[in-house]
N, C-alpha and C. Protein backbone atom coordinates (compact mmCIF):
# COMPACT_ATOMS: atom_id res chain seq x y z
N MET A 1 91.52 122.87 137.34
CA MET A 1 90.67 121.86 137.93
C MET A 1 91.53 120.63 138.21
N LYS A 2 91.41 120.10 139.38
CA LYS A 2 92.15 118.90 139.78
C LYS A 2 91.55 117.68 139.09
N ALA A 3 92.35 116.65 138.92
CA ALA A 3 91.93 115.44 138.20
C ALA A 3 90.69 114.81 138.82
N ARG A 4 90.64 114.75 140.14
CA ARG A 4 89.48 114.12 140.81
C ARG A 4 88.19 114.88 140.47
N LYS A 5 88.25 116.22 140.54
CA LYS A 5 87.08 117.05 140.22
C LYS A 5 86.71 116.91 138.75
N PHE A 6 87.74 116.86 137.89
CA PHE A 6 87.51 116.67 136.45
C PHE A 6 86.76 115.36 136.21
N ASP A 7 87.25 114.26 136.82
CA ASP A 7 86.61 112.96 136.67
C ASP A 7 85.18 112.96 137.18
N GLN A 8 84.96 113.57 138.33
CA GLN A 8 83.61 113.63 138.89
C GLN A 8 82.67 114.40 137.98
N THR A 9 83.15 115.52 137.47
CA THR A 9 82.34 116.34 136.57
C THR A 9 82.01 115.57 135.30
N PHE A 10 83.02 114.91 134.73
CA PHE A 10 82.81 114.13 133.51
C PHE A 10 81.84 112.98 133.77
N ASP A 11 82.07 112.24 134.86
CA ASP A 11 81.21 111.10 135.18
C ASP A 11 79.77 111.51 135.44
N ALA A 12 79.57 112.74 135.88
CA ALA A 12 78.23 113.25 136.12
C ALA A 12 77.55 113.69 134.83
N GLY A 13 78.29 113.62 133.73
CA GLY A 13 77.71 113.98 132.44
C GLY A 13 77.73 115.47 132.16
N LYS A 14 78.49 116.19 132.96
CA LYS A 14 78.57 117.63 132.76
C LYS A 14 79.71 117.95 131.81
N GLY A 15 79.67 119.13 131.22
CA GLY A 15 80.70 119.56 130.28
C GLY A 15 82.03 119.83 130.97
N VAL A 16 83.10 119.35 130.37
CA VAL A 16 84.44 119.58 130.91
C VAL A 16 85.32 120.34 129.92
N ALA A 17 84.77 120.69 128.78
CA ALA A 17 85.56 121.33 127.72
C ALA A 17 86.20 122.64 128.19
N ALA A 18 85.52 123.38 129.03
CA ALA A 18 86.07 124.65 129.50
C ALA A 18 87.33 124.45 130.34
N ALA A 19 87.50 123.27 130.91
CA ALA A 19 88.66 122.99 131.75
C ALA A 19 89.86 122.52 130.94
N LEU A 20 89.69 122.35 129.65
CA LEU A 20 90.76 121.84 128.81
C LEU A 20 91.44 122.96 128.04
N ASP A 21 92.75 122.86 127.90
CA ASP A 21 93.52 123.81 127.10
C ASP A 21 93.69 123.20 125.72
N MET A 22 92.77 123.46 124.81
CA MET A 22 92.78 122.84 123.48
C MET A 22 93.88 123.38 122.58
N SER A 23 94.51 124.50 122.97
CA SER A 23 95.58 125.06 122.14
C SER A 23 96.81 124.16 122.13
N ARG A 24 96.92 123.29 123.11
CA ARG A 24 98.07 122.39 123.17
C ARG A 24 97.68 120.94 122.92
N ALA A 25 96.44 120.70 122.55
CA ALA A 25 95.97 119.34 122.31
C ALA A 25 96.61 118.76 121.06
N LYS A 26 96.90 117.48 121.09
CA LYS A 26 97.49 116.79 119.94
C LYS A 26 96.80 115.45 119.76
N ARG A 27 96.69 115.03 118.53
CA ARG A 27 96.19 113.69 118.23
C ARG A 27 97.41 112.80 118.07
N LEU A 28 97.55 111.85 118.93
CA LEU A 28 98.71 110.98 118.90
C LEU A 28 98.78 110.18 117.60
N ASN A 29 99.97 110.03 117.10
CA ASN A 29 100.24 109.26 115.87
C ASN A 29 99.50 109.81 114.66
N GLN A 30 99.15 111.09 114.66
CA GLN A 30 98.45 111.67 113.53
C GLN A 30 99.25 112.77 112.84
N GLU A 31 100.48 113.00 113.28
CA GLU A 31 101.26 114.04 112.63
C GLU A 31 101.56 113.62 111.19
N GLN A 32 101.64 114.60 110.34
CA GLN A 32 101.86 114.34 108.92
C GLN A 32 103.35 114.28 108.60
N LYS A 33 103.70 113.40 107.70
CA LYS A 33 105.07 113.31 107.21
C LYS A 33 104.99 113.09 105.71
N ARG A 34 105.69 113.92 104.97
CA ARG A 34 105.64 113.85 103.51
C ARG A 34 106.57 112.75 103.01
N VAL A 35 106.07 111.98 102.06
CA VAL A 35 106.88 110.96 101.38
C VAL A 35 106.66 111.09 99.88
N ASN A 36 107.64 110.69 99.13
CA ASN A 36 107.53 110.67 97.68
C ASN A 36 107.54 109.23 97.21
N VAL A 37 106.59 108.88 96.38
CA VAL A 37 106.49 107.53 95.85
C VAL A 37 106.33 107.63 94.34
N ASP A 38 107.10 106.84 93.62
CA ASP A 38 106.98 106.80 92.17
C ASP A 38 106.06 105.65 91.78
N PHE A 39 105.04 105.95 90.96
CA PHE A 39 104.10 104.95 90.47
C PHE A 39 104.20 104.89 88.95
N PRO A 40 103.97 103.73 88.37
CA PRO A 40 103.92 103.65 86.91
C PRO A 40 102.71 104.46 86.39
N ALA A 41 102.82 104.94 85.16
CA ALA A 41 101.77 105.77 84.58
C ALA A 41 100.42 105.08 84.57
N TRP A 42 100.38 103.77 84.27
CA TRP A 42 99.11 103.05 84.24
C TRP A 42 98.44 103.05 85.61
N MET A 43 99.24 103.00 86.68
CA MET A 43 98.69 102.99 88.02
C MET A 43 98.11 104.36 88.39
N ILE A 44 98.79 105.42 87.98
CA ILE A 44 98.28 106.77 88.21
C ILE A 44 96.96 106.96 87.48
N ALA A 45 96.89 106.49 86.26
CA ALA A 45 95.65 106.61 85.48
C ALA A 45 94.51 105.85 86.17
N SER A 46 94.80 104.67 86.66
CA SER A 46 93.77 103.88 87.36
C SER A 46 93.35 104.56 88.66
N LEU A 47 94.31 105.08 89.40
CA LEU A 47 93.99 105.80 90.63
C LEU A 47 93.13 107.02 90.34
N ASP A 48 93.48 107.76 89.29
CA ASP A 48 92.72 108.96 88.93
C ASP A 48 91.30 108.62 88.51
N ARG A 49 91.12 107.54 87.77
CA ARG A 49 89.77 107.12 87.37
C ARG A 49 88.93 106.77 88.60
N GLU A 50 89.51 105.99 89.50
CA GLU A 50 88.76 105.58 90.69
C GLU A 50 88.49 106.78 91.60
N ALA A 51 89.46 107.65 91.75
CA ALA A 51 89.27 108.84 92.57
C ALA A 51 88.17 109.72 91.99
N SER A 52 88.16 109.88 90.67
CA SER A 52 87.13 110.68 90.00
C SER A 52 85.76 110.05 90.19
N ARG A 53 85.70 108.75 90.06
CA ARG A 53 84.43 108.03 90.24
C ARG A 53 83.87 108.24 91.64
N LEU A 54 84.76 108.25 92.64
CA LEU A 54 84.34 108.42 94.03
C LEU A 54 84.22 109.89 94.44
N GLY A 55 84.72 110.79 93.60
CA GLY A 55 84.65 112.22 93.91
C GLY A 55 85.64 112.65 94.97
N VAL A 56 86.81 112.00 94.99
CA VAL A 56 87.85 112.35 95.95
C VAL A 56 89.16 112.61 95.20
N THR A 57 90.17 113.06 95.91
CA THR A 57 91.46 113.30 95.28
C THR A 57 92.27 112.01 95.20
N ARG A 58 93.26 112.02 94.35
CA ARG A 58 94.17 110.88 94.24
C ARG A 58 94.83 110.60 95.59
N GLN A 59 95.27 111.65 96.24
CA GLN A 59 95.93 111.48 97.54
C GLN A 59 94.98 110.82 98.55
N SER A 60 93.73 111.23 98.55
CA SER A 60 92.76 110.66 99.48
C SER A 60 92.56 109.17 99.26
N ILE A 61 92.42 108.78 98.01
CA ILE A 61 92.18 107.36 97.74
C ILE A 61 93.41 106.53 98.09
N ILE A 62 94.60 107.06 97.86
CA ILE A 62 95.82 106.34 98.24
C ILE A 62 95.87 106.16 99.75
N LYS A 63 95.57 107.22 100.49
CA LYS A 63 95.60 107.14 101.96
C LYS A 63 94.58 106.13 102.48
N VAL A 64 93.37 106.18 101.94
CA VAL A 64 92.31 105.27 102.40
C VAL A 64 92.69 103.82 102.10
N TRP A 65 93.14 103.56 100.88
CA TRP A 65 93.48 102.19 100.52
C TRP A 65 94.66 101.67 101.31
N LEU A 66 95.66 102.51 101.54
CA LEU A 66 96.79 102.07 102.35
C LEU A 66 96.37 101.80 103.79
N ALA A 67 95.53 102.68 104.34
CA ALA A 67 95.05 102.48 105.71
C ALA A 67 94.26 101.19 105.83
N GLU A 68 93.39 100.91 104.85
CA GLU A 68 92.61 99.68 104.87
C GLU A 68 93.52 98.46 104.83
N ARG A 69 94.52 98.50 103.97
CA ARG A 69 95.43 97.36 103.85
C ARG A 69 96.25 97.16 105.13
N LEU A 70 96.71 98.26 105.72
CA LEU A 70 97.47 98.15 106.96
C LEU A 70 96.62 97.60 108.09
N GLN A 71 95.34 97.99 108.15
CA GLN A 71 94.43 97.46 109.17
C GLN A 71 94.19 95.97 108.96
N GLN A 72 94.02 95.56 107.70
CA GLN A 72 93.85 94.14 107.40
C GLN A 72 95.07 93.34 107.83
N THR A 73 96.23 93.86 107.52
CA THR A 73 97.48 93.18 107.86
C THR A 73 97.64 93.10 109.38
N ALA A 74 97.32 94.18 110.07
CA ALA A 74 97.46 94.20 111.53
C ALA A 74 96.49 93.23 112.21
N SER A 75 95.32 93.04 111.60
CA SER A 75 94.34 92.13 112.19
C SER A 75 94.54 90.68 111.75
N GLY A 76 95.55 90.46 110.94
CA GLY A 76 95.86 89.09 110.51
C GLY A 76 95.11 88.64 109.28
N LYS A 77 94.30 89.51 108.72
CA LYS A 77 93.55 89.18 107.50
C LYS A 77 94.36 89.58 106.30
N THR A 78 94.67 88.63 105.46
CA THR A 78 95.41 88.95 104.24
C THR A 78 94.58 88.55 103.03
N ILE A 79 94.83 89.20 101.95
CA ILE A 79 94.07 88.94 100.72
C ILE A 79 94.68 87.75 100.00
């Protein structure tokens, strides 16, 4: 499907998913990269308690908190 036809179909509110090759789709800036970080034992214990309270993994809570802090920093809001 040519770009013009794709745009017209999309703008008309019709489905365009069949025209997409999802096998090659990528989410930009979402690739994973492994890092190792050493934390003091007290910090791991605190992370585990909070993760347990929220029903998530330690890794999940670290990712969420880091993402929140990075967004705050990027928007100019600092604690």
